[in-house]
Protein backbone atom coordinates (compact mmCIF):
# COMPACT_ATOMS: atom_id res chain seq x y z
CA UNK A 1 -16.10 -40.24 -20.97
CA UNK A 2 -13.28 -41.31 -19.03
CA UNK A 3 -9.94 -39.94 -20.34
CA UNK A 4 -9.07 -43.80 -21.36
CA UNK A 5 -11.67 -44.07 -23.47
CA UNK A 6 -10.37 -40.53 -25.65
CA UNK A 7 -6.95 -41.21 -26.34
CA UNK A 8 -7.51 -43.33 -28.94
CA UNK A 9 -8.10 -42.43 -32.71
CA UNK A 10 -7.09 -39.77 -35.04
CA UNK A 11 -5.17 -36.76 -33.99
CA UNK A 12 -5.14 -33.31 -34.56
CA UNK A 13 -2.37 -30.90 -35.65
CA UNK A 14 -2.38 -27.47 -33.17
CA UNK A 15 -0.51 -24.54 -34.48
CA UNK A 16 0.37 -22.10 -31.47
CA UNK A 17 2.25 -18.56 -31.75
CA UNK A 18 3.45 -16.19 -34.07
CA UNK A 19 6.11 -19.22 -34.83
CA UNK A 20 3.28 -21.50 -35.43
CA UNK A 21 4.67 -24.22 -32.98
CA UNK A 22 3.25 -27.60 -33.87
CA UNK A 23 1.32 -29.88 -31.08
CA UNK A 24 -0.21 -33.19 -31.79
CA UNK A 25 -3.29 -34.12 -29.32
CA UNK A 26 -5.74 -36.67 -29.66
CA UNK A 27 -8.75 -35.37 -31.61
CA UNK A 28 -11.69 -37.26 -29.77
CA UNK A 29 -10.11 -35.85 -26.58
CA UNK A 30 -10.22 -32.32 -27.25
CA UNK A 31 -13.58 -32.66 -28.80
CA UNK A 32 -14.93 -34.44 -25.78
CA UNK A 33 -13.48 -31.66 -23.68
CA UNK A 34 -14.51 -28.35 -25.83
CA UNK A 35 -17.28 -27.51 -27.90
CA UNK A 36 -14.69 -24.98 -29.85
CA UNK A 37 -12.88 -27.58 -30.78
CA UNK A 38 -15.71 -30.13 -31.48
CA UNK A 39 -17.50 -27.24 -34.07
CA UNK A 40 -14.02 -26.72 -35.65
CA UNK A 41 -12.88 -30.45 -36.14
CA UNK A 42 -15.96 -31.97 -36.62
CA UNK A 43 -18.03 -29.19 -38.43
CA UNK A 44 -18.22 -27.97 -41.64
CA UNK A 45 -15.08 -25.58 -41.41
CA UNK A 46 -11.93 -25.79 -42.93
CA UNK A 47 -9.83 -27.22 -40.02
CA UNK A 48 -12.11 -30.25 -39.84
CA UNK A 49 -10.59 -31.51 -43.40
CA UNK A 50 -7.20 -30.44 -42.75
CA UNK A 51 -6.94 -31.24 -39.09
CA UNK A 52 -5.21 -28.66 -38.15
CA UNK A 53 -6.35 -25.79 -35.90
CA UNK A 54 -4.29 -22.71 -34.86
CA UNK A 55 -4.21 -20.25 -32.16
CA UNK A 56 -1.97 -17.58 -33.57
CA UNK A 57 -2.05 -15.51 -30.14
CA UNK A 58 -1.19 -17.92 -27.55
CA UNK A 59 2.02 -18.44 -25.72
CA UNK A 60 3.29 -21.92 -25.83
CA UNK A 61 3.89 -21.94 -22.45
CA UNK A 62 0.12 -21.40 -21.67
CA UNK A 63 -0.58 -23.77 -24.16
CA UNK A 64 1.54 -26.67 -22.78
CA UNK A 65 -0.66 -26.07 -19.08
CA UNK A 66 -3.55 -26.52 -21.25
CA UNK A 67 -1.96 -29.90 -22.64
CA UNK A 68 -0.96 -31.03 -19.61
CA UNK A 69 -4.71 -30.22 -17.85
CA UNK A 70 -6.67 -31.93 -20.97
CA UNK A 71 -4.58 -35.18 -20.27
CA UNK A 72 -5.51 -35.18 -16.56
CA UNK A 73 -2.95 -33.17 -14.60
CA UNK A 74 -4.27 -30.50 -12.07
CA UNK A 75 -2.88 -27.01 -12.21
CA UNK A 76 -0.05 -26.04 -10.27
CA UNK A 77 0.12 -23.92 -7.29
CA UNK A 78 0.91 -20.62 -8.30
CA UNK A 79 4.27 -18.83 -6.52
CA UNK A 80 4.86 -15.75 -8.58
CA UNK A 81 3.51 -12.94 -10.68
CA UNK A 82 4.48 -14.58 -13.94
CA UNK A 83 2.84 -17.69 -12.81
CA UNK A 84 -0.27 -15.62 -12.14
CA UNK A 85 -0.36 -14.43 -15.65
CA UNK A 86 0.15 -17.34 -17.16
CA UNK A 87 -2.94 -18.61 -15.44
CA UNK A 88 -4.91 -15.61 -16.59
CA UNK A 89 -4.00 -15.88 -19.87
CA UNK A 90 -5.30 -19.70 -19.83
CA UNK A 91 -8.31 -18.94 -18.28
CA UNK A 92 -8.57 -16.35 -21.17
CA UNK A 93 -7.87 -19.29 -23.69
CA UNK A 94 -10.35 -21.45 -21.64
CA UNK A 95 -13.01 -18.73 -22.22
CA UNK A 96 -12.47 -18.67 -25.88
CA UNK A 97 -12.52 -22.40 -26.29
CA UNK A 98 -15.62 -22.42 -23.99
CA UNK A 99 -14.22 -24.76 -21.74
CA UNK A 100 -15.87 -23.92 -18.40
CA UNK A 101 -14.28 -26.62 -16.22
CA UNK A 102 -10.66 -25.42 -17.06
CA UNK A 103 -12.08 -21.60 -16.56
CA UNK A 104 -13.24 -22.53 -13.08
CA UNK A 105 -10.02 -24.50 -12.20
CA UNK A 106 -8.01 -21.22 -13.27
CA UNK A 107 -10.36 -18.93 -10.81
CA UNK A 108 -10.12 -21.57 -7.74
CA UNK A 109 -6.15 -21.42 -8.34
CA UNK A 110 -6.09 -17.58 -8.69
CA UNK A 111 -8.12 -17.03 -5.78
CA UNK A 112 -6.19 -19.21 -3.81
CA UNK A 113 -2.95 -17.59 -4.91
CA UNK A 114 -4.23 -14.12 -3.32
CA UNK A 115 -5.52 -15.84 -0.33
CA UNK A 116 -2.32 -17.11 0.64
CA UNK A 117 -0.34 -13.54 0.30
CA UNK A 118 -1.57 -12.17 3.22
CA UNK A 119 -4.12 -11.42 5.90
CA UNK A 120 -6.99 -9.30 5.16
CA UNK A 121 -5.57 -6.04 7.85
CA UNK A 122 -2.31 -6.81 6.46
CA UNK A 123 -0.85 -5.23 2.94
CA UNK A 124 -3.15 -5.63 0.42
CA UNK A 125 -3.13 -8.82 -1.94
CA UNK A 126 -4.46 -7.38 -4.45
CA UNK A 127 -2.23 -3.86 -5.83
CA UNK A 128 -3.23 -1.10 -8.25
CA UNK A 129 -1.48 -3.60 -10.93
CA UNK A 130 -3.83 -6.50 -10.53
CA UNK A 131 -6.71 -3.77 -10.94
CA UNK A 132 -5.33 -3.04 -13.94
CA UNK A 133 -4.66 -6.56 -15.45
CA UNK A 134 -8.20 -7.46 -14.25
CA UNK A 135 -9.90 -4.26 -15.73
CA UNK A 136 -7.96 -3.19 -18.46
CA UNK A 137 -5.84 -5.91 -19.78
CA UNK A 138 -8.40 -9.01 -19.52
CA UNK A 139 -11.90 -7.38 -19.50
CA UNK A 140 -13.34 -10.15 -20.75
CA UNK A 141 -13.14 -11.98 -17.51
CA UNK A 142 -15.89 -10.70 -15.38
CA UNK A 143 -15.17 -13.27 -12.42
CA UNK A 144 -11.71 -12.20 -11.93
CA UNK A 145 -12.65 -8.85 -12.14
CA UNK A 146 -15.19 -9.11 -9.61
CA UNK A 147 -12.61 -11.20 -7.43
CA UNK A 148 -10.19 -8.32 -7.68
CA UNK A 149 -12.68 -5.60 -6.49
CA UNK A 150 -14.08 -7.82 -3.44
CA UNK A 151 -10.32 -8.10 -2.23
CA UNK A 152 -9.08 -4.36 -3.13
CA UNK A 153 -12.70 -3.25 -1.24
CA UNK A 154 -12.18 -5.80 1.78
CA UNK A 155 -8.51 -4.35 2.64
CA UNK A 156 -9.31 -0.59 1.65
CA UNK A 157 -12.02 -0.70 4.48
CA UNK A 158 -9.49 -1.24 7.35
CA UNK A 159 -7.59 1.46 6.23
CA UNK A 160 -7.16 5.23 7.69
CA UNK A 161 -7.46 8.05 4.95
CA UNK A 162 -3.43 8.71 5.20
CA UNK A 163 -3.13 5.03 4.64
CA UNK A 164 -5.41 4.81 1.39
CA UNK A 165 -3.55 7.74 -0.04
CA UNK A 166 -0.25 6.67 0.57
CA UNK A 167 2.09 3.79 -0.67
CA UNK A 168 1.02 0.69 -1.96
CA UNK A 169 -2.71 1.41 -0.77
CA UNK A 170 -2.43 4.76 -2.54
CA UNK A 171 -2.55 2.99 -5.93
CA UNK A 172 -5.67 1.26 -5.33
CA UNK A 173 -7.09 4.81 -4.07
CA UNK A 174 -6.02 6.25 -7.41
CA UNK A 175 -7.85 3.66 -9.57
CA UNK A 176 -10.77 4.64 -7.61
CA UNK A 177 -10.28 8.21 -8.22
CA UNK A 178 -9.62 7.58 -11.55
CA UNK A 179 -13.33 6.64 -12.33
CA UNK A 180 -14.64 4.35 -14.34
CA UNK A 181 -15.83 0.37 -14.05
CA UNK A 182 -13.39 -0.23 -11.29
CA UNK A 183 -14.75 2.49 -8.86
CA UNK A 184 -18.18 1.82 -9.66
CA UNK A 185 -17.61 -1.99 -8.73
CA UNK A 186 -15.57 -1.03 -5.76
CA UNK A 187 -18.28 1.35 -4.56
CA UNK A 188 -21.07 -1.57 -4.85
CA UNK A 189 -18.72 -3.59 -2.74
CA UNK A 190 -17.99 -1.44 -0.21
CA UNK A 191 -21.83 -0.88 0.01
CA UNK A 192 -22.32 -4.43 0.73
CA UNK A 193 -19.73 -4.88 3.01
CA UNK A 194 -21.47 -2.54 5.06
CA UNK A 195 -24.34 -4.62 5.39
CA UNK A 196 -22.32 -6.96 7.20
CA UNK A 197 -21.12 -9.71 4.90
CA UNK A 198 -17.25 -9.12 5.61
CA UNK A 199 -17.65 -10.32 9.00
CA UNK A 200 -18.23 -13.88 7.55
CA UNK A 201 -15.35 -13.46 4.44
CA UNK A 202 -13.20 -12.04 7.24
CA UNK A 203 -13.93 -14.36 9.77
CA UNK A 204 -10.91 -17.37 9.31
CA UNK A 205 -11.34 -17.46 5.81
CA UNK A 206 -13.29 -20.54 5.91
CA UNK A 207 -15.49 -20.38 2.58
CA UNK A 208 -17.88 -22.67 1.67
CA UNK A 209 -17.92 -24.38 -1.72
CA UNK A 210 -21.33 -22.71 -2.37
CA UNK A 211 -19.57 -18.94 -1.93
CA UNK A 212 -16.73 -21.13 -4.40
CA UNK A 213 -19.12 -21.40 -6.90
CA UNK A 214 -20.05 -17.73 -7.08
CA UNK A 215 -17.07 -17.25 -9.02
CA UNK A 216 -17.28 -19.94 -11.61
CA UNK A 217 -18.75 -20.00 -14.80
CA UNK A 218 -21.97 -22.44 -15.66
CA UNK A 219 -23.36 -20.98 -18.50
CA UNK A 220 -23.11 -24.54 -20.00
CA UNK A 221 -22.70 -26.78 -17.03
CA UNK A 222 -24.67 -27.26 -13.79
CA UNK A 223 -23.44 -25.43 -10.64
CA UNK A 224 -20.99 -27.16 -8.20
CA UNK A 225 -22.31 -29.87 -5.91
CA UNK A 226 -21.83 -29.46 -2.47
CA UNK A 227 -22.90 -30.43 1.19
CA UNK A 228 -23.69 -28.70 4.38
CA UNK A 229 -24.61 -25.26 5.00
CA UNK A 230 -22.37 -22.19 5.76
CA UNK A 231 -21.98 -20.24 9.07
CA UNK A 232 -24.40 -17.91 8.68
CA UNK A 233 -27.24 -18.32 6.29
CA UNK A 234 -28.54 -14.99 5.61
CA UNK A 235 -24.77 -13.53 5.31
CA UNK A 236 -24.06 -16.51 2.76
CA UNK A 237 -27.01 -15.22 0.82
CA UNK A 238 -26.05 -11.33 0.66
CA UNK A 239 -22.76 -12.71 -0.65
CA UNK A 240 -24.45 -14.75 -3.16
CA UNK A 241 -26.68 -12.04 -4.12
CA UNK A 242 -23.96 -9.26 -4.37
CA UNK A 243 -21.71 -11.57 -6.59
CA UNK A 244 -24.54 -13.12 -8.55
CA UNK A 245 -25.99 -9.44 -9.69
CA UNK A 246 -22.21 -8.02 -10.04
CA UNK A 247 -21.21 -10.83 -12.16
CA UNK A 248 -24.68 -10.71 -14.20
CA UNK A 249 -23.85 -7.10 -15.01
CA UNK A 250 -20.07 -7.76 -15.82
CA UNK A 251 -21.03 -10.43 -18.06
CA UNK A 252 -23.68 -8.15 -19.67
CA UNK A 253 -20.95 -5.93 -20.38
CA UNK A 254 -18.26 -8.06 -21.67
CA UNK A 255 -21.11 -9.51 -24.04
CA UNK A 256 -22.29 -6.02 -25.53
């Protein structure tokens, strides 16, 4: 339903953060967009009778981004590490309230942020800080883990052993040395790259919508619709297979 048909009727009060900041939203709108809100406000839970729902662990700045998005605005271009952190927090919130469209918009915005930072052969767009963030701080986001790992592996493939053990690159190499999930995923990505798909990824950074969709969550929605074919169908199939395989593994890990 179009947004104009949803901004009528009763309101719901949302209390955010430890200070319980109060926000008033259209109930029809949030219930239409999110099955989490729909179950809480239209089901048999206490929130249905009180018209109040709480998110005590959410920051106001993140919820304000959600309000802008749900009323029709776009996620603004990220320009700083703080912007990145807020977008990741918004992505986590989208996962909590089962809103795949917002989750996918956040993932697209995060990818654009990293892609804009530098070229593949220059200083790494992904650092050890981002790896720790994706694999330890918010491990419940498998698509973010996947993207961070791919970017790190793609960049490190062009480096000498001296470069791998020093400076910013040394931080990434140290994460691999520590073992764990990142080391396993990183190794798998290097194997896939050795099969040739890095040539497509590195060539002008022209990505098809089919490739973009591989970083999306579509457990309750249809995959993205796109037209045309990628430059190299065989290589695209390899990318798709690699990402789906790793994403499926990570999804199973986070759900267990």
